């Protein structure tokens, strides 16, 4: 039996929080963090907040469970950003004769413009609780695009990311061995990094010239368990 929680976010309902702020304040950045925040994104006092989570639980009642999140947060022009992404998978109480399988995968894409300070957290946890022979995998992948000038993902890039989301959804439903699923997730992440790098390289830089000579960056944070 397979069970999965209702989807809360997809590329089709991308969290486009375009906070194009010209006057902002650093006050409170140290205390405005994603910890305990609701899933989604927002701008608070010039600080962009983005939180995503995938969570799965397999047990004797639902022996196969899976969840995936693939979300884009375009935070716009901010002075700082606090972003959190996590995946939690648990298998509980199944037997070696009837093992459980639990997979949670969360892919979070965040773009920021001019964020001087970044508080990023990307974690995963896979737990087998009295579950001999169970398969449990949690993978958190966080992609952060930071530019010193105004930047948004093109419609072509967003469409391609939609294709990657569909591939991720198929992957977390896969019955392939966990090691194979891990390999596919890593390969998918590498393709996304390449796509984002191409998108940044192709984007017009506009009239903004960064006085410090800062360059755009695409960073992947990966944590699997």
C-alpha atoms as a PDB file:
ATOM      1  CA  UNK A   1       0.000   0.000   0.000  1.00  0.00           C
ATOM      2  CA  UNK A   2       1.299   3.435  -0.888  1.00  0.00           C
ATOM      3  CA  UNK A   3       0.513   6.641   0.922  1.00  0.00           C
ATOM      4  CA  UNK A   4       1.603  10.186   0.336  1.00  0.00           C
ATOM      5  CA  UNK A   5       0.670  13.522   1.898  1.00  0.00           C
ATOM      6  CA  UNK A   6      -1.085  16.128  -0.310  1.00  0.00           C
ATOM      7  CA  UNK A   7       1.289  18.295  -2.309  1.00  0.00           C
ATOM      8  CA  UNK A   8       1.880  21.757  -0.888  1.00  0.00           C
ATOM      9  CA  UNK A   9       4.085  23.220  -3.603  1.00  0.00           C
ATOM     10  CA  UNK A  10       5.067  22.565  -7.193  1.00  0.00           C
ATOM     11  CA  UNK A  11       6.823  24.437  -9.947  1.00  0.00           C
ATOM     12  CA  UNK A  12       3.395  25.097 -11.450  1.00  0.00           C
ATOM     13  CA  UNK A  13       2.620  26.997  -8.242  1.00  0.00           C
ATOM     14  CA  UNK A  14       6.107  28.369  -7.836  1.00  0.00           C
ATOM     15  CA  UNK A  15       6.624  30.622  -4.855  1.00  0.00           C
ATOM     16  CA  UNK A  16       7.521  33.774  -6.766  1.00  0.00           C
ATOM     17  CA  UNK A  17       8.190  36.250  -4.006  1.00  0.00           C
ATOM     18  CA  UNK A  18       9.620  39.126  -5.983  1.00  0.00           C
ATOM     19  CA  UNK A  19      10.606  41.529  -3.227  1.00  0.00           C
ATOM     20  CA  UNK A  20      12.067  44.327  -5.334  1.00  0.00           C
ATOM     21  CA  UNK A  21      12.921  46.616  -2.455  1.00  0.00           C
ATOM     22  CA  UNK A  22      15.062  49.698  -2.887  1.00  0.00           C
ATOM     23  CA  UNK A  23      15.140  50.913   0.702  1.00  0.00           C
ATOM     24  CA  UNK A  24      15.702  48.276   3.336  1.00  0.00           C
ATOM     25  CA  UNK A  25      17.192  47.916   6.783  1.00  0.00           C
ATOM     26  CA  UNK A  26      19.524  45.361   8.296  1.00  0.00           C
ATOM     27  CA  UNK A  27      17.863  45.683  11.709  1.00  0.00           C
ATOM     28  CA  UNK A  28      16.603  42.331  12.918  1.00  0.00           C
ATOM     29  CA  UNK A  29      18.412  40.176  10.358  1.00  0.00           C
ATOM     30  CA  UNK A  30      20.182  38.253  13.103  1.00  0.00           C
ATOM     31  CA  UNK A  31      16.852  37.212  14.621  1.00  0.00           C
ATOM     32  CA  UNK A  32      14.806  36.650  11.464  1.00  0.00           C
ATOM     33  CA  UNK A  33      15.689  33.056  10.572  1.00  0.00           C
ATOM     34  CA  UNK A  34      13.722  30.180   9.036  1.00  0.00           C
ATOM     35  CA  UNK A  35      13.654  28.184  12.296  1.00  0.00           C
ATOM     36  CA  UNK A  36      10.070  27.303  13.100  1.00  0.00           C
ATOM     37  CA  UNK A  37       8.710  29.242  10.133  1.00  0.00           C
ATOM     38  CA  UNK A  38       5.824  27.942   8.054  1.00  0.00           C
ATOM     39  CA  UNK A  39       6.585  26.350   4.701  1.00  0.00           C
ATOM     40  CA  UNK A  40       6.724  28.930   1.925  1.00  0.00           C
ATOM     41  CA  UNK A  41       8.466  32.259   1.469  1.00  0.00           C
ATOM     42  CA  UNK A  42       8.033  35.886   2.424  1.00  0.00           C
ATOM     43  CA  UNK A  43       9.874  39.204   2.757  1.00  0.00           C
ATOM     44  CA  UNK A  44      10.179  40.650   6.270  1.00  0.00           C
ATOM     45  CA  UNK A  45      11.965  43.946   6.810  1.00  0.00           C
ATOM     46  CA  UNK A  46      14.035  43.507   3.682  1.00  0.00           C
ATOM     47  CA  UNK A  47      14.970  39.940   4.625  1.00  0.00           C
ATOM     48  CA  UNK A  48      13.849  37.046   2.418  1.00  0.00           C
ATOM     49  CA  UNK A  49      12.622  33.896   4.186  1.00  0.00           C
ATOM     50  CA  UNK A  50      12.127  30.548   2.420  1.00  0.00           C
ATOM     51  CA  UNK A  51      11.272  27.228   4.076  1.00  0.00           C
ATOM     52  CA  UNK A  52      10.609  23.827   2.471  1.00  0.00           C
ATOM     53  CA  UNK A  53      10.238  20.299   3.809  1.00  0.00           C
ATOM     54  CA  UNK A  54       9.578  16.802   2.486  1.00  0.00           C
ATOM     55  CA  UNK A  55       8.443  14.257   5.075  1.00  0.00           C
ATOM     56  CA  UNK A  56       7.540  10.591   4.670  1.00  0.00           C
ATOM     57  CA  UNK A  57       6.475   7.904   7.146  1.00  0.00           C
ATOM     58  CA  UNK A  58       6.143   4.196   6.387  1.00  0.00           C
ATOM     59  CA  UNK A  59       4.640   1.735   8.877  1.00  0.00           C
ATOM     60  CA  UNK A  60       2.701  -1.541   8.861  1.00  0.00           C
ATOM     61  CA  UNK A  61      -0.440   0.310   7.804  1.00  0.00           C
ATOM     62  CA  UNK A  62       1.280   2.142   4.920  1.00  0.00           C
ATOM     63  CA  UNK A  63       4.393   0.142   4.097  1.00  0.00           C
ATOM     64  CA  UNK A  64       5.431   2.323   1.156  1.00  0.00           C
ATOM     65  CA  UNK A  65       5.441   6.079   1.658  1.00  0.00           C
ATOM     66  CA  UNK A  66       7.104   8.874  -0.284  1.00  0.00           C
ATOM     67  CA  UNK A  67       7.121  12.646  -0.468  1.00  0.00           C
ATOM     68  CA  UNK A  68       8.920  15.151  -2.669  1.00  0.00           C
ATOM     69  CA  UNK A  69       9.073  18.913  -2.788  1.00  0.00           C
ATOM     70  CA  UNK A  70      10.428  20.935  -5.683  1.00  0.00           C
ATOM     71  CA  UNK A  71       9.994  24.628  -5.044  1.00  0.00           C
ATOM     72  CA  UNK A  72      11.362  27.862  -6.479  1.00  0.00           C
ATOM     73  CA  UNK A  73      11.589  31.003  -4.372  1.00  0.00           C
ATOM     74  CA  UNK A  74      12.584  34.186  -6.198  1.00  0.00           C
ATOM     75  CA  UNK A  75      13.194  36.517  -3.272  1.00  0.00           C
ATOM     76  CA  UNK A  76      14.223  39.507  -5.369  1.00  0.00           C
ATOM     77  CA  UNK A  77      16.329  42.366  -4.011  1.00  0.00           C
ATOM     78  CA  UNK A  78      16.981  41.846  -0.306  1.00  0.00           C
ATOM     79  CA  UNK A  79      19.655  42.791   2.211  1.00  0.00           C
ATOM     80  CA  UNK A  80      19.738  39.286   3.648  1.00  0.00           C
ATOM     81  CA  UNK A  81      18.083  35.894   3.372  1.00  0.00           C
ATOM     82  CA  UNK A  82      17.241  33.041   5.724  1.00  0.00           C
ATOM     83  CA  UNK A  83      16.491  29.801   3.878  1.00  0.00           C
ATOM     84  CA  UNK A  84      15.837  26.311   5.209  1.00  0.00           C
ATOM     85  CA  UNK A  85      15.332  23.046   3.378  1.00  0.00           C
ATOM     86  CA  UNK A  86      14.971  19.603   4.914  1.00  0.00           C
ATOM     87  CA  UNK A  87      13.908  16.060   4.156  1.00  0.00           C
ATOM     88  CA  UNK A  88      12.809  13.588   6.821  1.00  0.00           C
ATOM     89  CA  UNK A  89      12.043   9.907   6.127  1.00  0.00           C
ATOM     90  CA  UNK A  90      11.005   7.334   8.741  1.00  0.00           C
ATOM     91  CA  UNK A  91      10.229   3.626   8.643  1.00  0.00           C
ATOM     92  CA  UNK A  92       8.587   2.308  11.778  1.00  0.00           C
ATOM     93  CA  UNK A  93       7.579  -1.107  13.057  1.00  0.00           C
ATOM     94  CA  UNK A  94       7.708  -3.236   9.907  1.00  0.00           C
ATOM     95  CA  UNK A  95       9.148  -6.751   9.784  1.00  0.00           C
ATOM     96  CA  UNK A  96      11.851  -8.337   7.656  1.00  0.00           C
ATOM     97  CA  UNK A  97       9.139 -10.445   6.004  1.00  0.00           C
ATOM     98  CA  UNK A  98       7.096  -7.344   5.153  1.00  0.00           C
ATOM     99  CA  UNK A  99       9.580  -4.428   5.149  1.00  0.00           C
ATOM    100  CA  UNK A 100       8.785  -0.741   4.772  1.00  0.00           C
ATOM    101  CA  UNK A 101      10.115   1.735   2.204  1.00  0.00           C
ATOM    102  CA  UNK A 102      10.166   5.471   2.941  1.00  0.00           C
ATOM    103  CA  UNK A 103      11.675   8.155   0.664  1.00  0.00           C
ATOM    104  CA  UNK A 104      11.660  11.932   1.182  1.00  0.00           C
ATOM    105  CA  UNK A 105      13.312  14.270  -1.340  1.00  0.00           C
ATOM    106  CA  UNK A 106      13.281  18.054  -1.160  1.00  0.00           C
ATOM    107  CA  UNK A 107      14.753  20.246  -3.910  1.00  0.00           C
ATOM    108  CA  UNK A 108      14.741  23.965  -3.061  1.00  0.00           C
ATOM    109  CA  UNK A 109      15.765  26.645  -5.573  1.00  0.00           C
ATOM    110  CA  UNK A 110      16.314  30.167  -4.189  1.00  0.00           C
ATOM    111  CA  UNK A 111      17.327  33.302  -6.099  1.00  0.00           C
ATOM    112  CA  UNK A 112      18.420  36.491  -4.340  1.00  0.00           C
ATOM    113  CA  UNK A 113      19.681  39.846  -5.554  1.00  0.00           C
ATOM    114  CA  UNK A 114      22.220  41.743  -3.487  1.00  0.00           C
ATOM    115  CA  UNK A 115      21.815  39.705  -0.299  1.00  0.00           C
ATOM    116  CA  UNK A 116      24.752  40.774   1.860  1.00  0.00           C
ATOM    117  CA  UNK A 117      24.028  38.141   4.504  1.00  0.00           C
ATOM    118  CA  UNK A 118      22.757  34.591   4.045  1.00  0.00           C
ATOM    119  CA  UNK A 119      21.616  32.161   6.726  1.00  0.00           C
ATOM    120  CA  UNK A 120      21.160  28.802   4.963  1.00  0.00           C
ATOM    121  CA  UNK A 121      20.241  25.436   6.460  1.00  0.00           C
ATOM    122  CA  UNK A 122      19.915  22.210   4.468  1.00  0.00           C
ATOM    123  CA  UNK A 123      19.415  18.957   6.384  1.00  0.00           C
ATOM    124  CA  UNK A 124      18.072  15.441   6.002  1.00  0.00           C
ATOM    125  CA  UNK A 125      17.293  12.594   8.386  1.00  0.00           C
ATOM    126  CA  UNK A 126      16.449   8.959   7.668  1.00  0.00           C
ATOM    127  CA  UNK A 127      15.322   6.811  10.596  1.00  0.00           C
ATOM    128  CA  UNK A 128      14.637   3.080  10.851  1.00  0.00           C
ATOM    129  CA  UNK A 129      12.703   2.596  14.082  1.00  0.00           C
ATOM    130  CA  UNK A 130      12.338  -1.090  14.960  1.00  0.00           C
ATOM    131  CA  UNK A 131      12.158  -1.755  11.254  1.00  0.00           C
ATOM    132  CA  UNK A 132      14.471  -4.597  10.271  1.00  0.00           C
ATOM    133  CA  UNK A 133      15.111  -4.811   6.537  1.00  0.00           C
ATOM    134  CA  UNK A 134      13.370  -1.508   5.813  1.00  0.00           C
ATOM    135  CA  UNK A 135      14.575   0.953   3.161  1.00  0.00           C
ATOM    136  CA  UNK A 136      14.681   4.586   4.235  1.00  0.00           C
ATOM    137  CA  UNK A 137      16.208   7.529   2.365  1.00  0.00           C
ATOM    138  CA  UNK A 138      16.081  11.281   2.885  1.00  0.00           C
ATOM    139  CA  UNK A 139      17.735  13.706   0.477  1.00  0.00           C
ATOM    140  CA  UNK A 140      17.835  17.517   0.765  1.00  0.00           C
ATOM    141  CA  UNK A 141      19.194  19.540  -2.157  1.00  0.00           C
ATOM    142  CA  UNK A 142      19.383  23.323  -1.931  1.00  0.00           C
ATOM    143  CA  UNK A 143      20.272  25.496  -4.931  1.00  0.00           C
ATOM    144  CA  UNK A 144      21.082  29.141  -4.177  1.00  0.00           C
ATOM    145  CA  UNK A 145      21.519  31.679  -6.967  1.00  0.00           C
ATOM    146  CA  UNK A 146      22.995  34.952  -5.718  1.00  0.00           C
ATOM    147  CA  UNK A 147      23.569  37.924  -7.997  1.00  0.00           C
ATOM    148  CA  UNK A 148      24.714  41.507  -7.285  1.00  0.00           C
ATOM    149  CA  UNK A 149      22.153  42.781  -9.825  1.00  0.00           C
ATOM    150  CA  UNK A 150      18.449  42.267 -10.452  1.00  0.00           C
ATOM    151  CA  UNK A 151      17.817  38.779 -11.817  1.00  0.00           C
ATOM    152  CA  UNK A 152      14.828  36.521 -12.393  1.00  0.00           C
ATOM    153  CA  UNK A 153      14.614  33.107 -13.979  1.00  0.00           C
ATOM    154  CA  UNK A 154      13.465  33.168 -17.585  1.00  0.00           C
ATOM    155  CA  UNK A 155      10.276  31.401 -18.654  1.00  0.00           C
ATOM    156  CA  UNK A 156      12.415  28.907 -20.602  1.00  0.00           C
ATOM    157  CA  UNK A 157      14.419  28.066 -17.477  1.00  0.00           C
ATOM    158  CA  UNK A 158      11.258  27.704 -15.386  1.00  0.00           C
ATOM    159  CA  UNK A 159       9.765  25.381 -17.984  1.00  0.00           C
ATOM    160  CA  UNK A 160      12.872  23.202 -17.886  1.00  0.00           C
ATOM    161  CA  UNK A 161      12.730  23.166 -14.087  1.00  0.00           C
ATOM    162  CA  UNK A 162       9.144  21.923 -14.424  1.00  0.00           C
ATOM    163  CA  UNK A 163      10.491  18.952 -16.339  1.00  0.00           C
ATOM    164  CA  UNK A 164      12.997  18.282 -13.565  1.00  0.00           C
ATOM    165  CA  UNK A 165      10.202  18.358 -11.014  1.00  0.00           C
ATOM    166  CA  UNK A 166       8.342  15.667 -12.914  1.00  0.00           C
ATOM    167  CA  UNK A 167      11.504  13.570 -12.994  1.00  0.00           C
ATOM    168  CA  UNK A 168      11.936  14.020  -9.239  1.00  0.00           C
ATOM    169  CA  UNK A 169       8.344  12.941  -8.618  1.00  0.00           C
ATOM    170  CA  UNK A 170       8.932   9.786 -10.664  1.00  0.00           C
ATOM    171  CA  UNK A 171      12.175   9.150  -8.801  1.00  0.00           C
ATOM    172  CA  UNK A 172      10.702   9.230  -5.323  1.00  0.00           C
ATOM    173  CA  UNK A 173       8.007   6.779  -6.458  1.00  0.00           C
ATOM    174  CA  UNK A 174      10.655   4.484  -7.916  1.00  0.00           C
ATOM    175  CA  UNK A 175      11.058   0.955  -6.607  1.00  0.00           C
ATOM    176  CA  UNK A 176      14.740   0.857  -7.599  1.00  0.00           C
ATOM    177  CA  UNK A 177      17.346   0.123  -4.892  1.00  0.00           C
ATOM    178  CA  UNK A 178      18.078   3.076  -2.610  1.00  0.00           C
ATOM    179  CA  UNK A 179      21.653   3.420  -3.895  1.00  0.00           C
ATOM    180  CA  UNK A 180      20.291   3.767  -7.420  1.00  0.00           C
ATOM    181  CA  UNK A 181      17.770   6.397  -6.284  1.00  0.00           C
ATOM    182  CA  UNK A 182      20.622   8.334  -4.635  1.00  0.00           C
ATOM    183  CA  UNK A 183      22.628   8.237  -7.846  1.00  0.00           C
ATOM    184  CA  UNK A 184      19.690   9.497  -9.894  1.00  0.00           C
ATOM    185  CA  UNK A 185      19.026  12.297  -7.390  1.00  0.00           C
ATOM    186  CA  UNK A 186      22.660  13.426  -7.575  1.00  0.00           C
ATOM    187  CA  UNK A 187      22.600  13.348 -11.374  1.00  0.00           C
ATOM    188  CA  UNK A 188      19.389  15.365 -11.426  1.00  0.00           C
ATOM    189  CA  UNK A 189      20.918  17.926  -9.049  1.00  0.00           C
ATOM    190  CA  UNK A 190      23.966  18.294 -11.307  1.00  0.00           C
ATOM    191  CA  UNK A 191      21.718  18.990 -14.291  1.00  0.00           C
ATOM    192  CA  UNK A 192      19.835  21.653 -12.331  1.00  0.00           C
ATOM    193  CA  UNK A 193      23.086  23.372 -11.343  1.00  0.00           C
ATOM    194  CA  UNK A 194      24.135  23.452 -14.978  1.00  0.00           C
ATOM    195  CA  UNK A 195      20.768  24.867 -16.035  1.00  0.00           C
ATOM    196  CA  UNK A 196      20.905  27.612 -13.406  1.00  0.00           C
ATOM    197  CA  UNK A 197      24.465  28.515 -14.373  1.00  0.00           C
ATOM    198  CA  UNK A 198      23.392  28.816 -17.995  1.00  0.00           C
ATOM    199  CA  UNK A 199      20.421  30.963 -16.968  1.00  0.00           C
ATOM    200  CA  UNK A 200      22.621  33.355 -14.993  1.00  0.00           C
ATOM    201  CA  UNK A 201      25.174  33.570 -17.800  1.00  0.00           C
ATOM    202  CA  UNK A 202      22.487  34.367 -20.386  1.00  0.00           C
ATOM    203  CA  UNK A 203      20.658  36.999 -18.336  1.00  0.00           C
ATOM    204  CA  UNK A 204      21.208  40.698 -19.104  1.00  0.00           C
ATOM    205  CA  UNK A 205      23.065  42.398 -16.282  1.00  0.00           C
ATOM    206  CA  UNK A 206      21.109  45.595 -16.693  1.00  0.00           C
ATOM    207  CA  UNK A 207      22.557  48.955 -15.709  1.00  0.00           C
ATOM    208  CA  UNK A 208      23.647  47.897 -12.242  1.00  0.00           C
ATOM    209  CA  UNK A 209      27.391  47.688 -11.751  1.00  0.00           C
ATOM    210  CA  UNK A 210      28.502  46.226  -8.446  1.00  0.00           C
ATOM    211  CA  UNK A 211      31.146  48.502  -6.903  1.00  0.00           C
ATOM    212  CA  UNK A 212      32.850  45.577  -5.180  1.00  0.00           C
ATOM    213  CA  UNK A 213      33.133  43.567  -8.364  1.00  0.00           C
ATOM    214  CA  UNK A 214      30.992  40.753  -6.986  1.00  0.00           C
ATOM    215  CA  UNK A 215      30.015  38.002  -9.393  1.00  0.00           C
ATOM    216  CA  UNK A 216      26.870  35.883  -9.560  1.00  0.00           C
ATOM    217  CA  UNK A 217      27.125  32.455  -7.946  1.00  0.00           C
ATOM    218  CA  UNK A 218      25.180  29.199  -8.104  1.00  0.00           C
ATOM    219  CA  UNK A 219      25.692  27.075  -4.999  1.00  0.00           C
ATOM    220  CA  UNK A 220      24.472  23.535  -4.364  1.00  0.00           C
ATOM    221  CA  UNK A 221      24.081  22.323  -0.798  1.00  0.00           C
ATOM    222  CA  UNK A 222      23.468  18.572  -0.569  1.00  0.00           C
ATOM    223  CA  UNK A 223      22.678  16.447   2.460  1.00  0.00           C
ATOM    224  CA  UNK A 224      21.563  12.825   2.244  1.00  0.00           C
ATOM    225  CA  UNK A 225      20.878  10.249   4.930  1.00  0.00           C
END
